[in-house]
Amino acid sequence: LTFSGRLPPPPQVLSPARPELIRRTFESVRDAKNVI
């Protein structure tokens, strides 16, 4: 793993959030009374 700055490589891999994860979130709160 490489990193362009002066810090050592950050121990994480990033991937874009996906529309299916939003749908999954909506599924989790289906029929809830009040949702933030």
PDB file of all heavy atoms in Angstrom:
ATOM      1  N   LEU A   1       0.843  -1.191   0.000  1.00  0.00           N
ATOM      2  CA  LEU A   1       0.000   0.000   0.000  1.00  0.00           C
ATOM      3  C   LEU A   1       0.879   1.241   0.000  1.00  0.00           C
ATOM      4  O   LEU A   1       1.873   1.317   0.713  1.00  0.00           O
ATOM      5  CB  LEU A   1      -0.905   0.016   1.249  1.00  0.00           C
ATOM      6  CG  LEU A   1      -2.034  -1.004   1.295  1.00  0.00           C
ATOM      7  CD1 LEU A   1      -2.648  -1.013   2.694  1.00  0.00           C
ATOM      8  CD2 LEU A   1      -3.101  -0.666   0.278  1.00  0.00           C
ATOM      9  N   THR A   2       0.510   2.215  -0.802  1.00  0.00           N
ATOM     10  CA  THR A   2       1.284   3.453  -0.869  1.00  0.00           C
ATOM     11  C   THR A   2       0.408   4.627  -0.503  1.00  0.00           C
ATOM     12  O   THR A   2      -0.817   4.561  -0.568  1.00  0.00           O
ATOM     13  CB  THR A   2       1.861   3.667  -2.272  1.00  0.00           C
ATOM     14  OG1 THR A   2       0.774   3.734  -3.207  1.00  0.00           O
ATOM     15  CG2 THR A   2       2.796   2.541  -2.663  1.00  0.00           C
ATOM     16  N   PHE A   3       1.033   5.718  -0.123  1.00  0.00           N
ATOM     17  CA  PHE A   3       0.313   6.926   0.276  1.00  0.00           C
ATOM     18  C   PHE A   3       1.128   8.119  -0.173  1.00  0.00           C
ATOM     19  O   PHE A   3       2.345   8.152  -0.017  1.00  0.00           O
ATOM     20  CB  PHE A   3       0.111   6.931   1.793  1.00  0.00           C
ATOM     21  CG  PHE A   3      -0.793   8.015   2.290  1.00  0.00           C
ATOM     22  CD1 PHE A   3      -2.135   8.036   1.921  1.00  0.00           C
ATOM     23  CD2 PHE A   3      -0.317   9.005   3.128  1.00  0.00           C
ATOM     24  CE1 PHE A   3      -2.977   9.025   2.398  1.00  0.00           C
ATOM     25  CE2 PHE A   3      -1.159   9.994   3.600  1.00  0.00           C
ATOM     26  CZ  PHE A   3      -2.488  10.005   3.234  1.00  0.00           C
ATOM     27  N   SER A   4       0.478   9.112  -0.746  1.00  0.00           N
ATOM     28  CA  SER A   4       1.191  10.211  -1.367  1.00  0.00           C
ATOM     29  C   SER A   4       1.755  11.212  -0.365  1.00  0.00           C
ATOM     30  O   SER A   4       2.641  11.992  -0.686  1.00  0.00           O
ATOM     31  CB  SER A   4       0.264  10.958  -2.337  1.00  0.00           C
ATOM     32  OG  SER A   4      -0.876  11.445  -1.654  1.00  0.00           O
ATOM     33  N   GLY A   5       1.244  11.235   0.857  1.00  0.00           N
ATOM     34  CA  GLY A   5       1.677  12.226   1.827  1.00  0.00           C
ATOM     35  C   GLY A   5       2.812  11.734   2.701  1.00  0.00           C
ATOM     36  O   GLY A   5       3.473  10.743   2.423  1.00  0.00           O
ATOM     37  N   ARG A   6       3.018  12.442   3.812  1.00  0.00           N
ATOM     38  CA  ARG A   6       4.102  12.102   4.718  1.00  0.00           C
ATOM     39  C   ARG A   6       3.693  11.069   5.754  1.00  0.00           C
ATOM     40  O   ARG A   6       4.526  10.506   6.431  1.00  0.00           O
ATOM     41  CB  ARG A   6       4.599  13.361   5.429  1.00  0.00           C
ATOM     42  CG  ARG A   6       5.134  14.425   4.478  1.00  0.00           C
ATOM     43  CD  ARG A   6       5.539  15.675   5.245  1.00  0.00           C
ATOM     44  NE  ARG A   6       5.932  16.747   4.348  1.00  0.00           N
ATOM     45  CZ  ARG A   6       6.218  17.976   4.742  1.00  0.00           C
ATOM     46  NH1 ARG A   6       6.158  18.270   6.037  1.00  0.00           N
ATOM     47  NH2 ARG A   6       6.556  18.902   3.876  1.00  0.00           N
ATOM     48  N   LEU A   7       2.399  10.856   5.913  1.00  0.00           N
ATOM     49  CA  LEU A   7       1.949   9.866   6.873  1.00  0.00           C
ATOM     50  C   LEU A   7       2.171   8.466   6.313  1.00  0.00           C
ATOM     51  O   LEU A   7       2.245   8.273   5.106  1.00  0.00           O
ATOM     52  CB  LEU A   7       0.457  10.052   7.155  1.00  0.00           C
ATOM     53  CG  LEU A   7       0.059  11.296   7.947  1.00  0.00           C
ATOM     54  CD1 LEU A   7      -1.458  11.331   8.098  1.00  0.00           C
ATOM     55  CD2 LEU A   7       0.712  11.303   9.307  1.00  0.00           C
ATOM     56  N   PRO A   8       2.263   7.445   7.168  1.00  0.00           N
ATOM     57  CA  PRO A   8       2.323   6.070   6.684  1.00  0.00           C
ATOM     58  C   PRO A   8       1.006   5.697   6.032  1.00  0.00           C
ATOM     59  O   PRO A   8      -0.008   6.382   6.202  1.00  0.00           O
ATOM     60  CB  PRO A   8       2.566   5.263   7.977  1.00  0.00           C
ATOM     61  CG  PRO A   8       2.031   6.120   9.065  1.00  0.00           C
ATOM     62  CD  PRO A   8       2.301   7.532   8.633  1.00  0.00           C
ATOM     63  N   PRO A   9       0.959   4.604   5.280  1.00  0.00           N
ATOM     64  CA  PRO A   9      -0.266   4.215   4.595  1.00  0.00           C
ATOM     65  C   PRO A   9      -1.424   4.051   5.562  1.00  0.00           C
ATOM     66  O   PRO A   9      -1.287   3.403   6.603  1.00  0.00           O
ATOM     67  CB  PRO A   9       0.104   2.861   3.958  1.00  0.00           C
ATOM     68  CG  PRO A   9       1.582   2.864   3.883  1.00  0.00           C
ATOM     69  CD  PRO A   9       2.062   3.677   5.047  1.00  0.00           C
ATOM     70  N   PRO A  10      -2.578   4.658   5.270  1.00  0.00           N
ATOM     71  CA  PRO A  10      -3.724   4.500   6.155  1.00  0.00           C
ATOM     72  C   PRO A  10      -4.266   3.082   6.063  1.00  0.00           C
ATOM     73  O   PRO A  10      -4.399   2.541   4.964  1.00  0.00           O
ATOM     74  CB  PRO A  10      -4.741   5.514   5.591  1.00  0.00           C
ATOM     75  CG  PRO A  10      -4.369   5.653   4.146  1.00  0.00           C
ATOM     76  CD  PRO A  10      -2.884   5.468   4.080  1.00  0.00           C
ATOM     77  N   PRO A  11      -4.573   2.427   7.192  1.00  0.00           N
ATOM     78  CA  PRO A  11      -5.017   1.034   7.177  1.00  0.00           C
ATOM     79  C   PRO A  11      -6.490   0.906   6.819  1.00  0.00           C
ATOM     80  O   PRO A  11      -7.304   0.464   7.616  1.00  0.00           O
ATOM     81  CB  PRO A  11      -4.752   0.582   8.611  1.00  0.00           C
ATOM     82  CG  PRO A  11      -4.977   1.830   9.404  1.00  0.00           C
ATOM     83  CD  PRO A  11      -4.483   2.957   8.541  1.00  0.00           C
ATOM     84  N   GLN A  12      -6.864   1.347   5.627  1.00  0.00           N
ATOM     85  CA  GLN A  12      -8.252   1.230   5.230  1.00  0.00           C
ATOM     86  C   GLN A  12      -8.350   1.164   3.722  1.00  0.00           C
ATOM     87  O   GLN A  12      -7.485   1.630   2.995  1.00  0.00           O
ATOM     88  CB  GLN A  12      -9.089   2.403   5.746  1.00  0.00           C
ATOM     89  CG  GLN A  12      -8.645   3.758   5.218  1.00  0.00           C
ATOM     90  CD  GLN A  12      -9.413   4.890   5.859  1.00  0.00           C
ATOM     91  OE1 GLN A  12      -9.860   4.788   6.979  1.00  0.00           O
ATOM     92  NE2 GLN A  12      -9.577   5.971   5.140  1.00  0.00           N
ATOM     93  N   VAL A  13      -9.397   0.502   3.252  1.00  0.00           N
ATOM     94  CA  VAL A  13      -9.707   0.455   1.839  1.00  0.00           C
ATOM     95  C   VAL A  13     -11.063   1.094   1.660  1.00  0.00           C
ATOM     96  O   VAL A  13     -12.013   0.775   2.370  1.00  0.00           O
ATOM     97  CB  VAL A  13      -9.723  -0.999   1.321  1.00  0.00           C
ATOM     98  CG1 VAL A  13     -10.156  -1.031  -0.134  1.00  0.00           C
ATOM     99  CG2 VAL A  13      -8.331  -1.616   1.466  1.00  0.00           C
ATOM    100  N   LEU A  14     -11.186   2.039   0.736  1.00  0.00           N
ATOM    101  CA  LEU A  14     -12.412   2.801   0.551  1.00  0.00           C
ATOM    102  C   LEU A  14     -13.087   2.387  -0.743  1.00  0.00           C
ATOM    103  O   LEU A  14     -12.439   2.247  -1.780  1.00  0.00           O
ATOM    104  CB  LEU A  14     -12.109   4.306   0.502  1.00  0.00           C
ATOM    105  CG  LEU A  14     -11.385   4.873   1.722  1.00  0.00           C
ATOM    106  CD1 LEU A  14     -10.988   6.315   1.456  1.00  0.00           C
ATOM    107  CD2 LEU A  14     -12.279   4.800   2.934  1.00  0.00           C
ATOM    108  N   SER A  15     -14.389   2.195  -0.680  1.00  0.00           N
ATOM    109  CA  SER A  15     -15.159   1.921  -1.892  1.00  0.00           C
ATOM    110  C   SER A  15     -16.418   2.762  -1.862  1.00  0.00           C
ATOM    111  O   SER A  15     -16.975   3.000  -0.792  1.00  0.00           O
ATOM    112  CB  SER A  15     -15.520   0.435  -1.991  1.00  0.00           C
ATOM    113  OG  SER A  15     -16.329   0.050  -0.894  1.00  0.00           O
ATOM    114  N   PRO A  16     -16.890   3.247  -3.028  1.00  0.00           N
ATOM    115  CA  PRO A  16     -18.061   4.117  -3.042  1.00  0.00           C
ATOM    116  C   PRO A  16     -19.293   3.423  -2.477  1.00  0.00           C
ATOM    117  O   PRO A  16     -19.501   2.227  -2.689  1.00  0.00           O
ATOM    118  CB  PRO A  16     -18.244   4.452  -4.526  1.00  0.00           C
ATOM    119  CG  PRO A  16     -16.918   4.186  -5.142  1.00  0.00           C
ATOM    120  CD  PRO A  16     -16.322   3.057  -4.356  1.00  0.00           C
ATOM    121  N   ALA A  17     -20.097   4.181  -1.748  1.00  0.00           N
ATOM    122  CA  ALA A  17     -21.366   3.650  -1.265  1.00  0.00           C
ATOM    123  C   ALA A  17     -22.257   3.356  -2.470  1.00  0.00           C
ATOM    124  O   ALA A  17     -22.176   4.004  -3.508  1.00  0.00           O
ATOM    125  CB  ALA A  17     -22.036   4.647  -0.343  1.00  0.00           C
ATOM    126  N   ARG A  18     -23.138   2.390  -2.318  1.00  0.00           N
ATOM    127  CA  ARG A  18     -23.921   1.916  -3.449  1.00  0.00           C
ATOM    128  C   ARG A  18     -25.406   2.127  -3.201  1.00  0.00           C
ATOM    129  O   ARG A  18     -25.867   2.082  -2.054  1.00  0.00           O
ATOM    130  CB  ARG A  18     -23.626   0.433  -3.690  1.00  0.00           C
ATOM    131  CG  ARG A  18     -22.166   0.146  -3.960  1.00  0.00           C
ATOM    132  CD  ARG A  18     -21.907  -1.336  -4.185  1.00  0.00           C
ATOM    133  NE  ARG A  18     -22.228  -2.157  -3.034  1.00  0.00           N
ATOM    134  CZ  ARG A  18     -21.399  -2.367  -2.018  1.00  0.00           C
ATOM    135  NH1 ARG A  18     -20.210  -1.793  -2.002  1.00  0.00           N
ATOM    136  NH2 ARG A  18     -21.748  -3.138  -1.002  1.00  0.00           N
ATOM    137  N   PRO A  19     -26.184   2.315  -4.283  1.00  0.00           N
ATOM    138  CA  PRO A  19     -27.635   2.513  -4.126  1.00  0.00           C
ATOM    139  C   PRO A  19     -28.310   1.372  -3.374  1.00  0.00           C
ATOM    140  O   PRO A  19     -29.273   1.591  -2.643  1.00  0.00           O
ATOM    141  CB  PRO A  19     -28.125   2.615  -5.574  1.00  0.00           C
ATOM    142  CG  PRO A  19     -26.948   3.102  -6.345  1.00  0.00           C
ATOM    143  CD  PRO A  19     -25.744   2.494  -5.681  1.00  0.00           C
ATOM    144  N   GLU A  20     -27.808   0.139  -3.557  1.00  0.00           N
ATOM    145  CA  GLU A  20     -28.443  -0.986  -2.863  1.00  0.00           C
ATOM    146  C   GLU A  20     -28.310  -0.870  -1.348  1.00  0.00           C
ATOM    147  O   GLU A  20     -29.145  -1.416  -0.602  1.00  0.00           O
ATOM    148  CB  GLU A  20     -27.877  -2.323  -3.348  1.00  0.00           C
ATOM    149  CG  GLU A  20     -26.380  -2.492  -3.184  1.00  0.00           C
ATOM    150  CD  GLU A  20     -25.611  -2.116  -4.443  1.00  0.00           C
ATOM    151  OE1 GLU A  20     -26.100  -1.253  -5.206  1.00  0.00           O
ATOM    152  OE2 GLU A  20     -24.526  -2.688  -4.651  1.00  0.00           O
ATOM    153  N   LEU A  21     -27.275  -0.176  -0.876  1.00  0.00           N
ATOM    154  CA  LEU A  21     -27.143   0.023   0.563  1.00  0.00           C
ATOM    155  C   LEU A  21     -28.190   1.010   1.076  1.00  0.00           C
ATOM    156  O   LEU A  21     -28.667   0.894   2.207  1.00  0.00           O
ATOM    157  CB  LEU A  21     -25.737   0.503   0.906  1.00  0.00           C
ATOM    158  CG  LEU A  21     -24.591  -0.451   0.548  1.00  0.00           C
ATOM    159  CD1 LEU A  21     -23.260   0.139   0.980  1.00  0.00           C
ATOM    160  CD2 LEU A  21     -24.803  -1.818   1.176  1.00  0.00           C
ATOM    161  N   ILE A  22     -28.527   1.996   0.256  1.00  0.00           N
ATOM    162  CA  ILE A  22     -29.620   2.904   0.625  1.00  0.00           C
ATOM    163  C   ILE A  22     -30.925   2.139   0.680  1.00  0.00           C
ATOM    164  O   ILE A  22     -31.725   2.301   1.614  1.00  0.00           O
ATOM    165  CB  ILE A  22     -29.707   4.081  -0.367  1.00  0.00           C
ATOM    166  CG1 ILE A  22     -28.472   4.981  -0.231  1.00  0.00           C
ATOM    167  CG2 ILE A  22     -30.976   4.898  -0.121  1.00  0.00           C
ATOM    168  CD1 ILE A  22     -28.482   6.193  -1.135  1.00  0.00           C
ATOM    169  N   ARG A  23     -31.157   1.279  -0.327  1.00  0.00           N
ATOM    170  CA  ARG A  23     -32.389   0.466  -0.317  1.00  0.00           C
ATOM    171  C   ARG A  23     -32.423  -0.427   0.915  1.00  0.00           C
ATOM    172  O   ARG A  23     -33.485  -0.613   1.525  1.00  0.00           O
ATOM    173  CB  ARG A  23     -32.467  -0.371  -1.596  1.00  0.00           C
ATOM    174  CG  ARG A  23     -32.751   0.444  -2.857  1.00  0.00           C
ATOM    175  CD  ARG A  23     -33.156  -0.447  -4.009  1.00  0.00           C
ATOM    176  NE  ARG A  23     -32.058  -1.288  -4.459  1.00  0.00           N
ATOM    177  CZ  ARG A  23     -31.182  -0.936  -5.400  1.00  0.00           C
ATOM    178  NH1 ARG A  23     -31.276   0.248  -5.981  1.00  0.00           N
ATOM    179  NH2 ARG A  23     -30.216  -1.759  -5.756  1.00  0.00           N
ATOM    180  N   ARG A  24     -31.285  -0.991   1.271  1.00  0.00           N
ATOM    181  CA  ARG A  24     -31.219  -1.845   2.458  1.00  0.00           C
ATOM    182  C   ARG A  24     -31.574  -1.052   3.716  1.00  0.00           C
ATOM    183  O   ARG A  24     -32.253  -1.570   4.615  1.00  0.00           O
ATOM    184  CB  ARG A  24     -29.803  -2.423   2.580  1.00  0.00           C
ATOM    185  CG  ARG A  24     -29.595  -3.380   3.743  1.00  0.00           C
ATOM    186  CD  ARG A  24     -30.337  -4.677   3.554  1.00  0.00           C
ATOM    187  NE  ARG A  24     -29.908  -5.686   4.514  1.00  0.00           N
ATOM    188  CZ  ARG A  24     -30.570  -6.808   4.739  1.00  0.00           C
ATOM    189  NH1 ARG A  24     -31.682  -7.080   4.065  1.00  0.00           N
ATOM    190  NH2 ARG A  24     -30.116  -7.676   5.624  1.00  0.00           N
ATOM    191  N   THR A  25     -31.125   0.182   3.775  1.00  0.00           N
ATOM    192  CA  THR A  25     -31.450   1.034   4.916  1.00  0.00           C
ATOM    193  C   THR A  25     -32.948   1.297   4.979  1.00  0.00           C
ATOM    194  O   THR A  25     -33.556   1.252   6.056  1.00  0.00           O
ATOM    195  CB  THR A  25     -30.671   2.357   4.832  1.00  0.00           C
ATOM    196  OG1 THR A  25     -29.263   2.079   4.726  1.00  0.00           O
ATOM    197  CG2 THR A  25     -30.909   3.215   6.058  1.00  0.00           C
ATOM    198  N   PHE A  26     -33.572   1.565   3.836  1.00  0.00           N
ATOM    199  CA  PHE A  26     -35.022   1.758   3.808  1.00  0.00           C
ATOM    200  C   PHE A  26     -35.756   0.488   4.242  1.00  0.00           C
ATOM    201  O   PHE A  26     -36.768   0.556   4.958  1.00  0.00           O
ATOM    202  CB  PHE A  26     -35.477   2.178   2.404  1.00  0.00           C
ATOM    203  CG  PHE A  26     -35.450   3.659   2.177  1.00  0.00           C
ATOM    204  CD1 PHE A  26     -34.466   4.245   1.395  1.00  0.00           C
ATOM    205  CD2 PHE A  26     -36.415   4.483   2.738  1.00  0.00           C
ATOM    206  CE1 PHE A  26     -34.438   5.614   1.185  1.00  0.00           C
ATOM    207  CE2 PHE A  26     -36.397   5.859   2.541  1.00  0.00           C
ATOM    208  CZ  PHE A  26     -35.397   6.427   1.758  1.00  0.00           C
ATOM    209  N   GLU A  27     -35.254  -0.670   3.820  1.00  0.00           N
ATOM    210  CA  GLU A  27     -35.887  -1.933   4.226  1.00  0.00           C
ATOM    211  C   GLU A  27     -35.848  -2.099   5.738  1.00  0.00           C
ATOM    212  O   GLU A  27     -36.792  -2.623   6.346  1.00  0.00           O
ATOM    213  CB  GLU A  27     -35.166  -3.111   3.565  1.00  0.00           C
ATOM    214  CG  GLU A  27     -35.378  -3.228   2.063  1.00  0.00           C
ATOM    215  CD  GLU A  27     -34.502  -4.315   1.456  1.00  0.00           C
ATOM    216  OE1 GLU A  27     -33.893  -5.094   2.236  1.00  0.00           O
ATOM    217  OE2 GLU A  27     -34.407  -4.371   0.224  1.00  0.00           O
ATOM    218  N   SER A  28     -34.767  -1.650   6.355  1.00  0.00           N
ATOM    219  CA  SER A  28     -34.618  -1.847   7.801  1.00  0.00           C
ATOM    220  C   SER A  28     -35.643  -1.052   8.599  1.00  0.00           C
ATOM    221  O   SER A  28     -35.975  -1.430   9.731  1.00  0.00           O
ATOM    222  CB  SER A  28     -33.202  -1.455   8.247  1.00  0.00           C
ATOM    223  OG  SER A  28     -33.032  -0.039   8.254  1.00  0.00           O
ATOM    224  N   VAL A  29     -36.140   0.062   8.062  1.00  0.00           N
ATOM    225  CA  VAL A  29     -37.055   0.925   8.817  1.00  0.00           C
ATOM    226  C   VAL A  29     -38.482   0.875   8.272  1.00  0.00           C
ATOM    227  O   VAL A  29     -39.313   1.692   8.656  1.00  0.00           O
ATOM    228  CB  VAL A  29     -36.550   2.388   8.832  1.00  0.00           C
ATOM    229  CG1 VAL A  29     -35.212   2.476   9.554  1.00  0.00           C
ATOM    230  CG2 VAL A  29     -36.430   2.952   7.418  1.00  0.00           C
ATOM    231  N   ARG A  30     -38.769  -0.071   7.398  1.00  0.00           N
ATOM    232  CA  ARG A  30     -40.123  -0.195   6.850  1.00  0.00           C
ATOM    233  C   ARG A  30     -41.144  -0.345   7.976  1.00  0.00           C
ATOM    234  O   ARG A  30     -40.948  -1.110   8.923  1.00  0.00           O
ATOM    235  CB  ARG A  30     -40.198  -1.414   5.919  1.00  0.00           C
ATOM    236  CG  ARG A  30     -41.509  -1.547   5.165  1.00  0.00           C
ATOM    237  CD  ARG A  30     -41.540  -2.818   4.336  1.00  0.00           C
ATOM    238  NE  ARG A  30     -41.496  -4.015   5.180  1.00  0.00           N
ATOM    239  CZ  ARG A  30     -40.462  -4.816   5.303  1.00  0.00           C
ATOM    240  NH1 ARG A  30     -39.339  -4.563   4.635  1.00  0.00           N
ATOM    241  NH2 ARG A  30     -40.504  -5.884   6.100  1.00  0.00           N
ATOM    242  N   ASP A  31     -42.201   0.440   7.897  1.00  0.00           N
ATOM    243  CA  ASP A  31     -43.312   0.433   8.861  1.00  0.00           C
ATOM    244  C   ASP A  31     -42.954   1.076  10.208  1.00  0.00           C
ATOM    245  O   ASP A  31     -43.753   1.014  11.147  1.00  0.00           O
ATOM    246  CB  ASP A  31     -43.839  -0.990   9.106  1.00  0.00           C
ATOM    247  CG  ASP A  31     -44.367  -1.642   7.849  1.00  0.00           C
ATOM    248  OD1 ASP A  31     -44.937  -0.925   7.005  1.00  0.00           O
ATOM    249  OD2 ASP A  31     -44.205  -2.874   7.688  1.00  0.00           O
ATOM    250  N   ALA A  32     -41.774   1.674  10.317  1.00  0.00           N
ATOM    251  CA  ALA A  32     -41.459   2.409  11.546  1.00  0.00           C
ATOM    252  C   ALA A  32     -42.329   3.659  11.636  1.00  0.00           C
ATOM    253  O   ALA A  32     -42.779   4.199  10.622  1.00  0.00           O
ATOM    254  CB  ALA A  32     -39.985   2.793  11.576  1.00  0.00           C
ATOM    255  N   LYS A  33     -42.571   4.115  12.850  1.00  0.00           N
ATOM    256  CA  LYS A  33     -43.455   5.274  13.031  1.00  0.00           C
ATOM    257  C   LYS A  33     -42.743   6.575  12.683  1.00  0.00           C
ATOM    258  O   LYS A  33     -43.281   7.416  11.958  1.00  0.00           O
ATOM    259  CB  LYS A  33     -43.959   5.313  14.478  1.00  0.00           C
ATOM    260  CG  LYS A  33     -44.768   4.084  14.876  1.00  0.00           C
ATOM    261  CD  LYS A  33     -45.023   4.045  16.374  1.00  0.00           C
ATOM    262  CE  LYS A  33     -45.728   2.772  16.779  1.00  0.00           C
ATOM    263  NZ  LYS A  33     -45.875   2.649  18.253  1.00  0.00           N
ATOM    264  N   ASN A  34     -41.550   6.769  13.239  1.00  0.00           N
ATOM    265  CA  ASN A  34     -40.804   8.013  13.053  1.00  0.00           C
ATOM    266  C   ASN A  34     -39.348   7.676  12.756  1.00  0.00           C
ATOM    267  O   ASN A  34     -38.711   6.958  13.528  1.00  0.00           O
ATOM    268  CB  ASN A  34     -40.862   8.876  14.326  1.00  0.00           C
ATOM    269  CG  ASN A  34     -42.278   9.094  14.821  1.00  0.00           C
ATOM    270  OD1 ASN A  34     -43.130   9.580  14.101  1.00  0.00           O
ATOM    271  ND2 ASN A  34     -42.529   8.717  16.079  1.00  0.00           N
ATOM    272  N   VAL A  35     -38.822   8.203  11.654  1.00  0.00           N
ATOM    273  CA  VAL A  35     -37.471   7.856  11.230  1.00  0.00           C
ATOM    274  C   VAL A  35     -36.673   9.113  10.912  1.00  0.00           C
ATOM    275  O   VAL A  35     -37.139   9.981  10.171  1.00  0.00           O
ATOM    276  CB  VAL A  35     -37.484   6.935   9.988  1.00  0.00           C
ATOM    277  CG1 VAL A  35     -36.059   6.712   9.481  1.00  0.00           C
ATOM    278  CG2 VAL A  35     -38.145   5.605  10.310  1.00  0.00           C
ATOM    279  N   ILE A  36     -35.476   9.191  11.478  1.00  0.00           N
ATOM    280  CA  ILE A  36     -34.481  10.184  11.080  1.00  0.00           C
ATOM    281  C   ILE A  36     -33.446   9.459  10.234  1.00  0.00           C
ATOM    282  O   ILE A  36     -32.784   8.524  10.705  1.00  0.00           O
ATOM    283  CB  ILE A  36     -33.805  10.832  12.301  1.00  0.00           C
ATOM    284  CG1 ILE A  36     -34.827  11.598  13.138  1.00  0.00           C
ATOM    285  CG2 ILE A  36     -32.678  11.773  11.855  1.00  0.00           C
ATOM    286  CD1 ILE A  36     -34.275  12.101  14.461  1.00  0.00           C
TER     287      ILE A  36
END
